[in-house]
């Protein structure tokens, strides 16, 4: 099934017009989640600002199955300080 990954970043929303095939919604969510973690890790290593806010996973009709935020992918990776 084809899914469209619409990217929300600081400069605005980037609509995916090509889409990508995944065997299921669950696989699309997992791949997107870990892909976003990779992007965050690259930013951390390079010292660049993470401008990615979220990715919405939608079908060809525009129905959004899931929205994954940067907060979602970073949660629990860093200790909290009080």
Protein backbone atom coordinates (compact mmCIF):
# COMPACT_ATOMS: atom_id res chain seq x y z
CA UNK A 1 0.00 0.00 0.00
CA UNK A 2 1.27 3.48 -0.81
CA UNK A 3 1.70 5.94 2.05
CA UNK A 4 2.53 9.62 1.93
CA UNK A 5 4.88 11.05 4.54
CA UNK A 6 4.06 14.73 5.00
CA UNK A 7 6.92 16.48 6.81
CA UNK A 8 6.32 19.33 9.24
CA UNK A 9 9.46 21.31 9.93
CA UNK A 10 10.26 24.79 11.16
CA UNK A 11 10.15 26.26 7.65
CA UNK A 12 6.69 24.81 6.99
CA UNK A 13 4.89 21.73 5.75
CA UNK A 14 6.33 19.64 2.92
CA UNK A 15 3.68 17.51 1.22
CA UNK A 16 4.83 14.15 -0.10
CA UNK A 17 3.45 13.88 -3.63
CA UNK A 18 5.20 10.64 -4.61
CA UNK A 19 4.53 8.35 -1.65
CA UNK A 20 6.31 5.17 -0.67
CA UNK A 21 5.12 1.57 -0.53
CA UNK A 22 4.92 -0.22 2.80
CA UNK A 23 3.28 -3.59 3.42
CA UNK A 24 1.17 -2.20 6.29
CA UNK A 25 0.39 0.87 8.36
CA UNK A 26 2.37 -0.63 11.23
CA UNK A 27 5.48 -0.98 9.06
CA UNK A 28 5.08 2.60 7.80
CA UNK A 29 4.88 3.87 11.39
CA UNK A 30 7.91 1.86 12.53
CA UNK A 31 10.06 2.87 9.56
CA UNK A 32 9.08 6.52 9.99
CA UNK A 33 9.75 6.43 13.73
CA UNK A 34 13.24 4.97 13.37
CA UNK A 35 13.99 7.17 10.36
CA UNK A 36 13.18 10.22 12.47
CA UNK A 37 15.49 8.90 15.20
CA UNK A 38 18.26 8.61 12.61
CA UNK A 39 17.68 12.22 11.53
CA UNK A 40 17.82 13.38 15.17
CA UNK A 41 21.04 11.41 15.75
CA UNK A 42 22.62 12.95 12.63
CA UNK A 43 21.74 16.43 13.91
CA UNK A 44 23.19 15.66 17.32
CA UNK A 45 26.43 14.33 15.83
CA UNK A 46 26.85 17.28 13.48
CA UNK A 47 25.72 19.94 15.95
CA UNK A 48 22.92 21.05 13.62
CA UNK A 49 19.53 22.14 14.88
CA UNK A 50 16.75 19.57 14.58
CA UNK A 51 14.14 21.39 12.49
CA UNK A 52 11.90 18.35 12.02
CA UNK A 53 8.75 18.72 14.12
CA UNK A 54 6.58 15.83 12.91
CA UNK A 55 5.72 13.47 10.07
CA UNK A 56 2.13 12.61 9.21
CA UNK A 57 1.55 9.25 7.54
CA UNK A 58 -1.40 9.40 5.15
CA UNK A 59 -3.01 7.38 2.38
CA UNK A 60 -3.78 8.60 -1.15
CA UNK A 61 -7.12 10.09 -0.01
CA UNK A 62 -5.36 12.23 2.59
CA UNK A 63 -6.54 10.21 5.57
CA UNK A 64 -3.84 10.48 8.26
CA UNK A 65 -3.18 7.16 9.98
CA UNK A 66 -0.59 8.51 12.40
CA UNK A 67 1.45 11.58 13.20
CA UNK A 68 4.84 11.03 14.78
CA UNK A 69 6.44 13.99 16.51
CA UNK A 70 10.08 14.66 17.31
CA UNK A 71 9.06 14.53 20.96
CA UNK A 72 7.76 10.98 20.41
CA UNK A 73 11.06 9.73 18.97
CA UNK A 74 13.28 11.50 21.52
CA UNK A 75 11.22 10.65 24.60
CA UNK A 76 13.16 8.49 27.03
CA UNK A 77 16.51 8.83 25.23
CA UNK A 78 17.89 11.57 27.46
CA UNK A 79 17.87 11.82 31.24
CA UNK A 80 15.70 14.45 32.84
CA UNK A 81 17.33 16.95 35.13
CA UNK A 82 15.64 18.61 38.06
